[in-house]
Amino acid sequence: MDTIRNHYETVVNRSTTLIEYQIDKITEQLQTLETAIEAAKVDKPETDKEYLSLLKMSDTLNQRLLDITDRLLERLSPGFQNSKRTKGSPYARKESE
């Protein structure tokens, strides 16, 4: 039983480390993009298309970060699905809440 527990903990630790790395990389990309957007606001992009393109890239990266967070929560909390807590799971909200 201890062997299974140790293996499980190792897998969870490695997965957590990989997920944290991915989140850190996406966060870095978002910060770089935010800096570019701020610079574009000050420098006035040559066209509105350039500025809108930067905003779209920012939205895309933000959505990717949210998707990764949702997948992480789904894996760590079996009752978590589609950003909702499901009835009957150990994580479900009580009826009175």
Protein backbone atom coordinates (compact mmCIF):
# COMPACT_ATOMS: atom_id res chain seq x y z
CA MET A 1 0.00 0.00 0.00
CA ASP A 2 2.87 2.38 0.80
CA THR A 3 4.37 1.68 -2.63
CA ILE A 4 1.14 2.67 -4.36
CA ARG A 5 0.84 5.78 -2.23
CA ASN A 6 4.44 6.79 -2.94
CA HIS A 7 3.95 6.23 -6.68
CA TYR A 8 0.73 8.26 -6.63
CA GLU A 9 2.41 11.12 -4.76
CA THR A 10 5.30 11.07 -7.23
CA VAL A 11 2.94 11.23 -10.20
CA VAL A 12 0.92 14.03 -8.62
CA ASN A 13 4.07 16.00 -7.77
CA ARG A 14 5.45 15.65 -11.30
CA SER A 15 2.11 16.59 -12.85
CA THR A 16 1.76 19.58 -10.57
CA THR A 17 5.28 20.74 -11.42
CA LEU A 18 4.59 20.43 -15.16
CA ILE A 19 1.29 22.29 -14.87
CA GLU A 20 2.89 25.05 -12.80
CA TYR A 21 5.63 25.36 -15.45
CA GLN A 22 3.02 25.68 -18.21
CA ILE A 23 1.08 28.29 -16.24
CA ASP A 24 4.31 30.24 -15.62
CA LYS A 25 5.15 30.21 -19.35
CA ILE A 26 1.68 31.41 -20.32
CA THR A 27 1.85 34.09 -17.62
CA GLU A 28 5.17 35.28 -19.07
CA GLN A 29 3.60 35.44 -22.53
CA LEU A 30 0.68 37.43 -21.15
CA GLN A 31 3.02 39.88 -19.42
CA THR A 32 5.01 40.35 -22.63
CA LEU A 33 1.81 40.91 -24.55
CA GLU A 34 0.47 43.36 -21.96
CA THR A 35 3.73 45.32 -22.24
CA ALA A 36 3.33 45.40 -26.02
CA ILE A 37 -0.27 46.57 -25.70
CA GLU A 38 0.73 49.33 -23.29
CA ALA A 39 3.50 50.40 -25.67
CA ALA A 40 1.01 50.37 -28.54
CA LYS A 41 -1.30 52.64 -26.56
CA VAL A 42 1.50 55.12 -26.01
CA ASP A 43 3.09 54.85 -29.46
CA LYS A 44 -0.24 54.79 -31.26
CA PRO A 45 -0.15 51.80 -33.57
CA GLU A 46 0.07 52.62 -37.23
CA THR A 47 -3.34 51.10 -37.74
CA ASP A 48 -6.26 50.10 -35.60
CA LYS A 49 -5.80 46.61 -37.04
CA GLU A 50 -2.44 46.26 -35.27
CA TYR A 51 -3.93 47.30 -31.95
CA LEU A 52 -6.96 45.03 -32.37
CA SER A 53 -4.61 42.18 -33.26
CA LEU A 54 -2.72 42.69 -29.99
CA LEU A 55 -5.98 42.71 -28.05
CA LYS A 56 -7.13 39.52 -29.78
CA MET A 57 -3.83 37.79 -28.95
CA SER A 58 -4.24 38.85 -25.32
CA ASP A 59 -7.77 37.46 -25.20
CA THR A 60 -6.58 34.19 -26.75
CA LEU A 61 -3.80 33.78 -24.18
CA ASN A 62 -6.16 34.63 -21.34
CA GLN A 63 -8.62 32.00 -22.60
CA ARG A 64 -5.82 29.41 -22.82
CA LEU A 65 -4.85 30.14 -19.23
CA LEU A 66 -8.47 29.72 -18.10
CA ASP A 67 -8.77 26.46 -20.05
CA ILE A 68 -5.61 25.07 -18.46
CA THR A 69 -6.83 26.10 -15.02
CA ASP A 70 -10.17 24.37 -15.63
CA ARG A 71 -8.43 21.19 -16.78
CA LEU A 72 -6.19 21.30 -13.71
CA LEU A 73 -9.20 21.65 -11.43
CA GLU A 74 -11.00 18.82 -13.24
CA ARG A 75 -8.05 16.51 -12.63
CA LEU A 76 -7.49 17.50 -9.03
CA SER A 77 -11.16 17.65 -8.05
CA PRO A 78 -13.29 14.90 -9.58
CA GLY A 79 -16.48 16.83 -8.78
CA PHE A 80 -15.40 19.87 -10.76
CA GLN A 81 -16.78 19.94 -14.31
CA ASN A 82 -17.26 22.85 -16.67
CA SER A 83 -16.62 25.42 -13.93
CA LYS A 84 -19.51 24.03 -11.88
CA ARG A 85 -19.63 21.86 -8.81
CA THR A 86 -21.83 18.87 -9.50
CA LYS A 87 -24.47 17.57 -7.13
CA GLY A 88 -23.52 14.33 -5.43
CA SER A 89 -19.78 14.90 -5.48
CA PRO A 90 -17.78 15.41 -2.29
CA TYR A 91 -17.18 18.98 -3.51
CA ALA A 92 -20.82 19.82 -4.21
CA ARG A 93 -22.39 22.71 -2.42
CA LYS A 94 -24.96 21.90 0.14
CA GLU A 95 -28.58 22.61 -0.77
CA SER A 96 -28.80 25.35 1.87
CA GLU A 97 -25.98 27.36 0.26
